[in-house]
């Protein structure tokens, strides 16, 4: 059943989001009650979405506008058949679509309708992509993972999950390796200039990079924001007002300025909202640097769909009692470099898997390097799979195999 959405439901939306929503008001009124607020949830954050996400929202709206009435009903049959209580059929949800999404999810799980919802969503997304296919990237994608910072000796067998897909090199000259990688991704940003298409993520303190089209985010650089979030979380738990569900709602509702961000321009606002989402929605991103890097790569591949990503994992803290970690006191934290290497090896594999989900995966390349050591692996159309070489090579030669 459609919902009688009105202009005034968008009065608190940011400017661009309000423009998009009001210009598609008639279309939104024709959409099922179980679907319209979910689309509005995407539109509501239009102002600080990455360019790739805005293009996807525009694509969905273009597709929906192109449908004849009969086709629209056919595509949305699955959503129309969902049984919703009267409270979820109210047009007020257009003003607060995030809260609607939480309420809908709870209702679908408790009424055993979640599978039907997933099937309806898959049908819709398939129809969108079929009608308006994904565009290939302007150049091949490159993912780079640097793991093992601070590890002097290692007996753990690295890259086992990667080996069937690429070539392993066991005699790499590590001299200036990180410097060479940073210079290379900077050059790619210069060669293919576009906002948020090139990223450097660091699990510790970021190295100095300077290029307007190379975006950077680091665990250490977000320290004050992480600690502010941990203080809010700890305070909510200690007050007794926040159970798991309430705490999740609290975190998802936080705005960047509530944990110390002060955006001065559009790109800064996009970055601060992304960082806030990363810290409030990511599992362990507030307390473990390895989790921070893994979630950052996952979300950036999914949301920004960049051409270049360099992710450097750093040692995480050793496990401590949860109340100590949530307290945010990191003055006496003990780091676990060997354990972090194992975490990063798996985190890098997940990073590569997410890269493979994107358009142009067949032409993409991936490089993983054990920092300051002689071991690396490259996945590239140029190189054989499940191969190994002991030839003396350097980082420049490895990078040449990815181009």
Protein backbone atom coordinates (compact mmCIF):
# COMPACT_ATOMS: atom_id res chain seq x y z
CA UNK A 1 0.00 0.00 0.00
CA UNK A 2 1.43 3.40 -0.98
CA UNK A 3 2.06 6.07 1.66
CA UNK A 4 0.73 9.68 1.45
CA UNK A 5 4.11 11.38 1.77
CA UNK A 6 4.11 15.21 1.91
CA UNK A 7 6.69 17.94 1.27
CA UNK A 8 6.87 18.84 4.95
CA UNK A 9 8.22 15.38 5.77
CA UNK A 10 11.51 16.53 4.22
CA UNK A 11 11.85 19.86 6.03
CA UNK A 12 14.71 18.61 8.23
CA UNK A 13 16.61 16.91 5.40
CA UNK A 14 19.93 18.50 4.32
CA UNK A 15 19.62 20.78 1.24
CA UNK A 16 20.56 18.37 -1.55
CA UNK A 17 18.61 15.52 0.03
CA UNK A 18 15.53 17.74 0.34
CA UNK A 19 15.85 18.74 -3.32
CA UNK A 20 16.09 15.12 -4.48
CA UNK A 21 13.18 13.99 -2.30
CA UNK A 22 10.79 16.82 -3.21
CA UNK A 23 11.55 16.53 -6.92
CA UNK A 24 10.51 12.86 -6.78
CA UNK A 25 7.52 13.28 -4.47
CA UNK A 26 4.94 11.81 -6.85
CA UNK A 27 7.12 8.78 -7.47
CA UNK A 28 7.70 8.22 -3.74
CA UNK A 29 3.94 8.28 -3.11
CA UNK A 30 3.51 5.34 -5.50
CA UNK A 31 6.02 3.08 -3.77
CA UNK A 32 5.10 0.38 -1.22
CA UNK A 33 5.08 1.35 2.46
CA UNK A 34 7.79 -1.23 3.17
CA UNK A 35 10.08 0.24 0.51
CA UNK A 36 9.63 4.03 0.27
CA UNK A 37 11.23 4.89 3.65
CA UNK A 38 14.19 2.61 2.86
CA UNK A 39 14.85 4.55 -0.34
CA UNK A 40 14.41 7.77 1.62
CA UNK A 41 16.99 6.54 4.11
CA UNK A 42 19.51 6.64 1.27
CA UNK A 43 18.24 9.98 -0.02
CA UNK A 44 18.31 11.60 3.44
CA UNK A 45 22.12 11.31 3.54
CA UNK A 46 22.60 12.34 -0.11
CA UNK A 47 24.63 15.44 0.83
CA UNK A 48 27.45 13.44 2.44
CA UNK A 49 27.34 10.32 0.30
CA UNK A 50 30.31 9.41 -1.89
CA UNK A 51 29.92 10.23 -5.62
CA UNK A 52 29.46 6.52 -6.43
CA UNK A 53 26.61 6.31 -3.92
CA UNK A 54 24.90 9.40 -5.30
CA UNK A 55 25.14 7.93 -8.78
CA UNK A 56 23.51 4.75 -7.51
CA UNK A 57 20.63 6.66 -5.89
CA UNK A 58 20.15 8.62 -9.12
CA UNK A 59 20.17 5.35 -11.07
CA UNK A 60 17.47 3.86 -8.86
CA UNK A 61 15.27 6.93 -9.25
CA UNK A 62 15.78 6.94 -13.02
CA UNK A 63 14.82 3.27 -13.17
CA UNK A 64 11.72 3.74 -11.02
CA UNK A 65 10.53 6.72 -13.07
CA UNK A 66 10.90 4.72 -16.28
CA UNK A 67 8.58 1.93 -15.15
CA UNK A 68 5.04 1.62 -16.39
CA UNK A 69 2.47 1.14 -13.63
CA UNK A 70 2.08 -2.57 -14.37
CA UNK A 71 5.83 -3.16 -14.30
CA UNK A 72 6.21 -1.25 -11.04
CA UNK A 73 3.55 -3.39 -9.39
CA UNK A 74 5.22 -6.54 -10.67
CA UNK A 75 8.67 -5.59 -9.38
CA UNK A 76 7.30 -4.65 -5.98
CA UNK A 77 5.01 -7.63 -5.44
CA UNK A 78 7.35 -9.03 -2.79
CA UNK A 79 7.31 -5.78 -0.81
CA UNK A 80 3.53 -5.42 -1.13
CA UNK A 81 3.02 -8.92 0.28
CA UNK A 82 4.88 -8.16 3.50
CA UNK A 83 2.49 -7.90 6.43
CA UNK A 84 3.19 -4.72 8.38
CA UNK A 85 1.47 -3.38 11.50
CA UNK A 86 -0.42 -0.11 11.26
CA UNK A 87 2.34 1.79 13.06
CA UNK A 88 4.73 1.07 10.16
CA UNK A 89 2.26 2.31 7.55
CA UNK A 90 2.29 5.89 8.82
CA UNK A 91 3.61 8.57 6.46
CA UNK A 92 5.58 10.09 9.37
CA UNK A 93 8.35 7.56 8.68
CA UNK A 94 9.33 9.61 5.64
CA UNK A 95 10.72 12.16 8.10
CA UNK A 96 12.71 9.58 10.11
CA UNK A 97 13.60 6.72 7.75
CA UNK A 98 16.52 5.47 9.88
CA UNK A 99 14.20 4.77 12.79
CA UNK A 100 11.77 3.10 10.37
CA UNK A 101 14.53 0.81 9.13
CA UNK A 102 15.30 -0.31 12.70
CA UNK A 103 11.62 -0.90 13.47
CA UNK A 104 11.06 -2.74 10.19
CA UNK A 105 14.06 -5.01 10.72
CA UNK A 106 12.85 -5.97 14.20
CA UNK A 107 9.33 -6.65 12.91
CA UNK A 108 10.50 -8.78 9.98
CA UNK A 109 12.72 -10.92 12.20
CA UNK A 110 10.07 -11.48 14.85
CA UNK A 111 7.41 -12.39 12.26
CA UNK A 112 9.65 -14.67 10.15
CA UNK A 113 9.37 -12.40 7.09
CA UNK A 114 13.04 -11.50 6.79
CA UNK A 115 13.71 -14.07 4.04
CA UNK A 116 10.79 -12.75 2.00
CA UNK A 117 12.16 -9.22 2.43
CA UNK A 118 15.63 -10.26 1.26
CA UNK A 119 14.13 -11.98 -1.77
CA UNK A 120 12.10 -8.88 -2.65
CA UNK A 121 15.19 -6.69 -2.27
CA UNK A 122 17.28 -8.98 -4.47
CA UNK A 123 14.60 -8.94 -7.17
CA UNK A 124 14.51 -5.14 -7.11
CA UNK A 125 18.29 -4.68 -7.23
CA UNK A 126 18.65 -7.18 -10.05
CA UNK A 127 16.02 -5.30 -12.05
CA UNK A 128 17.83 -1.99 -11.53
CA UNK A 129 21.20 -3.37 -12.67
CA UNK A 130 19.63 -5.16 -15.63
CA UNK A 131 17.92 -1.98 -16.81
CA UNK A 132 20.90 0.32 -16.14
CA UNK A 133 24.10 -1.79 -16.01
CA UNK A 134 27.11 -0.91 -13.89
CA UNK A 135 29.65 1.22 -15.73
CA UNK A 136 33.21 -0.14 -15.99
CA UNK A 137 35.89 1.78 -14.06
CA UNK A 138 37.94 4.38 -15.93
CA UNK A 139 41.07 2.30 -15.24
CA UNK A 140 41.76 -1.02 -13.56
CA UNK A 141 41.36 -1.13 -9.79
CA UNK A 142 44.40 -1.64 -7.58
CA UNK A 143 44.32 -2.83 -3.99
CA UNK A 144 47.47 -2.86 -1.84
CA UNK A 145 47.73 -4.32 1.66
CA UNK A 146 50.79 -3.78 3.85
CA UNK A 147 50.87 -6.08 6.87
CA UNK A 148 53.18 -6.94 9.76
CA UNK A 149 54.41 -3.54 10.93
CA UNK A 150 56.75 -4.02 13.88
CA UNK A 151 57.19 -7.78 13.45
CA UNK A 152 60.86 -8.79 13.38
CA UNK A 153 60.56 -12.59 13.16
CA UNK A 154 57.65 -14.65 11.88
CA UNK A 155 56.92 -18.37 11.68
CA UNK A 156 53.28 -18.04 10.61
CA UNK A 157 52.74 -19.10 6.94
CA UNK A 158 51.47 -15.96 5.22
CA UNK A 159 49.23 -15.51 2.16
CA UNK A 160 47.86 -19.08 2.21
CA UNK A 161 44.39 -18.02 1.04
CA UNK A 162 45.89 -15.80 -1.65
CA UNK A 163 48.29 -18.33 -3.17
CA UNK A 164 45.80 -20.13 -5.48
CA UNK A 165 45.00 -16.75 -7.07
CA UNK A 166 48.42 -15.15 -7.59
CA UNK A 167 52.21 -15.28 -7.60
CA UNK A 168 54.20 -15.32 -4.38
CA UNK A 169 57.62 -13.66 -4.22
CA UNK A 170 60.05 -14.65 -1.46
CA UNK A 171 63.09 -12.51 -2.30
CA UNK A 172 61.75 -8.96 -2.38
CA UNK A 173 64.14 -6.11 -1.63
CA UNK A 174 62.25 -4.25 1.11
CA UNK A 175 64.29 -1.03 0.89
CA UNK A 176 62.01 2.03 0.56
CA UNK A 177 59.06 -0.29 0.05
CA UNK A 178 56.42 1.80 1.81
CA UNK A 179 57.77 5.02 0.33
CA UNK A 180 57.55 3.49 -3.16
CA UNK A 181 53.97 2.33 -2.59
CA UNK A 182 52.84 5.74 -1.34
CA UNK A 183 54.47 7.46 -4.31
CA UNK A 184 52.76 5.04 -6.68
CA UNK A 185 49.24 5.59 -5.33
CA UNK A 186 49.88 9.35 -5.37
CA UNK A 187 50.84 9.11 -9.04
CA UNK A 188 47.66 7.14 -9.77
CA UNK A 189 45.61 9.86 -8.09
CA UNK A 190 47.33 12.44 -10.29
CA UNK A 191 46.78 10.38 -13.44
CA UNK A 192 43.09 9.75 -12.71
CA UNK A 193 41.97 12.80 -10.71
CA UNK A 194 38.58 12.31 -9.09
CA UNK A 195 37.36 12.87 -5.54
CA UNK A 196 37.33 9.78 -3.32
CA UNK A 197 38.65 7.48 -6.05
CA UNK A 198 42.04 6.97 -4.37
CA UNK A 199 42.60 6.07 -0.70
CA UNK A 200 45.36 5.55 1.85
CA UNK A 201 44.23 3.90 5.11
CA UNK A 202 46.61 3.43 8.04
CA UNK A 203 46.04 1.41 11.20
CA UNK A 204 48.56 3.55 13.07
CA UNK A 205 49.80 7.04 12.39
CA UNK A 206 49.58 7.90 8.70
CA UNK A 207 52.67 8.75 6.70
CA UNK A 208 52.71 12.20 5.13
CA UNK A 209 50.94 12.26 1.77
CA UNK A 210 49.83 15.32 -0.11
CA UNK A 211 47.60 15.22 -3.15
CA UNK A 212 44.10 16.72 -3.49
CA UNK A 213 42.72 13.49 -4.96
CA UNK A 214 44.34 11.04 -2.53
CA UNK A 215 42.06 10.70 0.49
CA UNK A 216 43.55 9.51 3.77
CA UNK A 217 42.18 8.18 7.05
CA UNK A 218 44.04 6.66 9.99
CA UNK A 219 43.37 5.04 13.35
CA UNK A 220 45.71 7.43 15.15
CA UNK A 221 44.33 10.44 13.29
CA UNK A 222 40.84 9.66 14.61
CA UNK A 223 42.02 9.14 18.20
CA UNK A 224 40.15 12.06 19.76
CA UNK A 225 36.95 11.03 17.99
CA UNK A 226 37.34 7.36 18.97
CA UNK A 227 37.88 8.28 22.60
CA UNK A 228 34.91 10.66 22.58
CA UNK A 229 32.75 7.84 21.24
CA UNK A 230 34.07 5.39 23.85
CA UNK A 231 33.25 7.88 26.61
CA UNK A 232 29.69 8.23 25.34
CA UNK A 233 29.33 4.46 25.08
CA UNK A 234 30.75 3.85 28.55
CA UNK A 235 28.56 6.55 30.06
CA UNK A 236 25.42 5.08 28.47
CA UNK A 237 26.24 1.61 29.76
CA UNK A 238 27.09 2.79 33.28
CA UNK A 239 23.91 4.84 33.49
CA UNK A 240 21.88 1.69 32.99
CA UNK A 241 19.71 3.23 30.27
CA UNK A 242 21.32 1.49 27.32
CA UNK A 243 20.78 -2.18 26.62
CA UNK A 244 22.11 -3.65 23.33
CA UNK A 245 19.19 -2.38 21.23
CA UNK A 246 19.17 1.08 22.80
CA UNK A 247 22.94 1.36 22.55
CA UNK A 248 22.83 0.49 18.86
CA UNK A 249 20.20 3.17 18.25
CA UNK A 250 22.29 5.68 20.20
CA UNK A 251 25.40 4.95 18.15
CA UNK A 252 23.60 5.02 14.80
CA UNK A 253 22.03 8.36 15.70
CA UNK A 254 25.29 10.14 16.52
CA UNK A 255 26.28 13.04 14.30
CA UNK A 256 29.94 13.87 13.50
CA UNK A 257 29.93 17.03 15.60
CA UNK A 258 28.91 15.00 18.67
CA UNK A 259 32.28 13.24 18.66
CA UNK A 260 34.38 16.25 17.78
CA UNK A 261 34.31 16.61 14.00
CA UNK A 262 34.10 20.10 12.51
CA UNK A 263 33.61 19.91 8.74
CA UNK A 264 34.39 23.09 6.79
CA UNK A 265 33.47 22.02 3.25
CA UNK A 266 31.54 19.41 1.32
CA UNK A 267 34.41 16.92 1.02
CA UNK A 268 35.25 17.37 4.70
CA UNK A 269 31.62 16.68 5.58
CA UNK A 270 31.64 13.51 3.49
CA UNK A 271 34.83 12.34 5.22
CA UNK A 272 33.59 13.13 8.72
CA UNK A 273 30.30 11.32 8.15
CA UNK A 274 32.15 8.31 6.76
CA UNK A 275 34.51 8.24 9.74
CA UNK A 276 31.58 8.55 12.15
CA UNK A 277 29.79 5.68 10.44
CA UNK A 278 32.98 3.61 10.54
CA UNK A 279 33.38 4.15 14.28
CA UNK A 280 29.72 3.72 15.23
CA UNK A 281 28.77 0.81 12.96
CA UNK A 282 32.00 -1.15 12.59
CA UNK A 283 32.65 -4.12 14.86
CA UNK A 284 35.68 -3.34 17.02
CA UNK A 285 36.77 -0.33 14.98
CA UNK A 286 36.84 1.86 18.09
CA UNK A 287 39.34 -0.31 20.00
CA UNK A 288 41.29 -2.50 17.55
CA UNK A 289 43.39 -0.95 14.79
CA UNK A 290 43.25 -4.12 12.67
CA UNK A 291 39.44 -4.11 12.79
CA UNK A 292 39.49 -0.42 11.88
CA UNK A 293 41.51 -1.04 8.72
CA UNK A 294 39.51 -4.10 7.69
CA UNK A 295 36.16 -2.32 8.09
CA UNK A 296 37.45 0.81 6.36
CA UNK A 297 38.50 -1.18 3.29
CA UNK A 298 35.23 -3.11 3.28
CA UNK A 299 33.09 0.02 3.47
CA UNK A 300 35.15 1.99 0.97
CA UNK A 301 35.09 -0.74 -1.68
CA UNK A 302 31.33 -1.08 -1.15
CA UNK A 303 30.43 2.58 -0.91
CA UNK A 304 33.07 4.70 -2.69
CA UNK A 305 34.11 1.99 -5.20
CA UNK A 306 37.56 3.59 -5.61
CA UNK A 307 40.19 2.90 -8.25
CA UNK A 308 43.08 2.74 -5.78
CA UNK A 309 43.32 1.60 -2.17
CA UNK A 310 46.45 1.28 -0.04
CA UNK A 311 45.74 -0.19 3.39
CA UNK A 312 48.50 -0.45 5.97
CA UNK A 313 47.74 -2.61 8.99
CA UNK A 314 49.45 -1.77 12.29
CA UNK A 315 49.73 -3.55 15.66
CA UNK A 316 46.52 -3.66 17.68
CA UNK A 317 46.26 -3.71 21.45
CA UNK A 318 46.20 -7.01 23.30
CA UNK A 319 42.85 -8.18 24.60
CA UNK A 320 41.84 -6.64 27.92
CA UNK A 321 38.61 -6.74 29.94
CA UNK A 322 35.89 -5.06 27.88
CA UNK A 323 35.18 -2.41 30.51
CA UNK A 324 38.84 -1.34 30.36
CA UNK A 325 38.82 -1.06 26.57
CA UNK A 326 35.53 0.87 26.56
CA UNK A 327 36.91 3.26 29.18
CA UNK A 328 39.28 4.55 26.48
CA UNK A 329 42.38 4.66 28.68
CA UNK A 330 45.15 3.72 26.24
CA UNK A 331 48.13 5.04 28.20
CA UNK A 332 49.31 1.57 29.27
CA UNK A 333 48.10 -0.43 26.27
CA UNK A 334 50.31 -3.37 25.31
CA UNK A 335 50.54 -3.99 21.57
CA UNK A 336 50.46 -7.45 19.98
CA UNK A 337 52.45 -7.23 16.75
CA UNK A 338 52.67 -11.01 16.01
CA UNK A 339 48.96 -11.53 16.64
CA UNK A 340 48.15 -8.47 14.56
CA UNK A 341 50.10 -9.93 11.63
CA UNK A 342 47.82 -12.98 11.63
CA UNK A 343 44.74 -10.74 11.87
CA UNK A 344 46.01 -8.55 9.04
CA UNK A 345 46.74 -11.53 6.80
CA UNK A 346 43.07 -12.51 7.02
CA UNK A 347 41.89 -8.90 6.90
CA UNK A 348 43.80 -8.37 3.66
CA UNK A 349 42.13 -11.45 2.18
CA UNK A 350 38.70 -10.01 2.99
CA UNK A 351 39.86 -6.74 1.44
CA UNK A 352 40.64 -8.57 -1.80
CA UNK A 353 37.31 -10.43 -1.74
CA UNK A 354 35.42 -7.13 -1.48
CA UNK A 355 37.43 -5.75 -4.41
CA UNK A 356 36.33 -8.74 -6.49
CA UNK A 357 32.66 -7.79 -6.05
CA UNK A 358 33.09 -4.58 -8.04
CA UNK A 359 32.72 -4.00 -11.78
CA UNK A 360 35.93 -4.71 -13.68
CA UNK A 361 37.15 -7.35 -11.21
CA UNK A 362 38.68 -9.42 -14.01
CA UNK A 363 41.13 -6.61 -14.85
CA UNK A 364 41.89 -5.58 -11.26
CA UNK A 365 45.16 -6.22 -9.41
CA UNK A 366 46.10 -6.75 -5.78
CA UNK A 367 49.45 -6.63 -3.97
CA UNK A 368 50.12 -7.74 -0.40
CA UNK A 369 53.50 -7.18 1.28
CA UNK A 370 54.98 -8.21 4.63
CA UNK A 371 56.32 -4.79 5.64
CA UNK A 372 60.12 -4.48 5.81
CA UNK A 373 60.50 -8.13 4.83
CA UNK A 374 61.18 -10.07 1.63
CA UNK A 375 57.77 -11.69 1.18
CA UNK A 376 54.98 -10.42 -1.09
CA UNK A 377 52.24 -11.72 -3.36
CA UNK A 378 50.67 -10.21 -6.46
CA UNK A 379 47.35 -11.06 -8.09
CA UNK A 380 47.27 -9.69 -11.62
CA UNK A 381 46.13 -10.64 -15.13
CA UNK A 382 49.85 -10.48 -16.02
CA UNK A 383 50.97 -13.18 -13.59
CA UNK A 384 50.28 -16.91 -13.24
CA UNK A 385 48.19 -18.29 -10.41
CA UNK A 386 49.50 -20.57 -7.68
CA UNK A 387 53.09 -19.68 -8.62
CA UNK A 388 56.18 -18.87 -6.57
CA UNK A 389 59.44 -17.12 -7.38
CA UNK A 390 62.70 -16.64 -5.50
CA UNK A 391 64.07 -14.16 -8.04
CA UNK A 392 65.40 -10.90 -6.57
CA UNK A 393 62.84 -8.15 -7.23
CA UNK A 394 61.99 -4.78 -5.72
CA UNK A 395 58.75 -2.93 -5.06
CA UNK A 396 58.88 -1.02 -8.34
CA UNK A 397 59.03 -4.30 -10.26
CA UNK A 398 56.10 -5.73 -8.30
CA UNK A 399 54.02 -2.62 -8.97
CA UNK A 400 54.82 -2.85 -12.68
CA UNK A 401 53.12 -6.25 -12.69
CA UNK A 402 49.89 -4.65 -11.48
CA UNK A 403 49.61 -2.12 -14.30
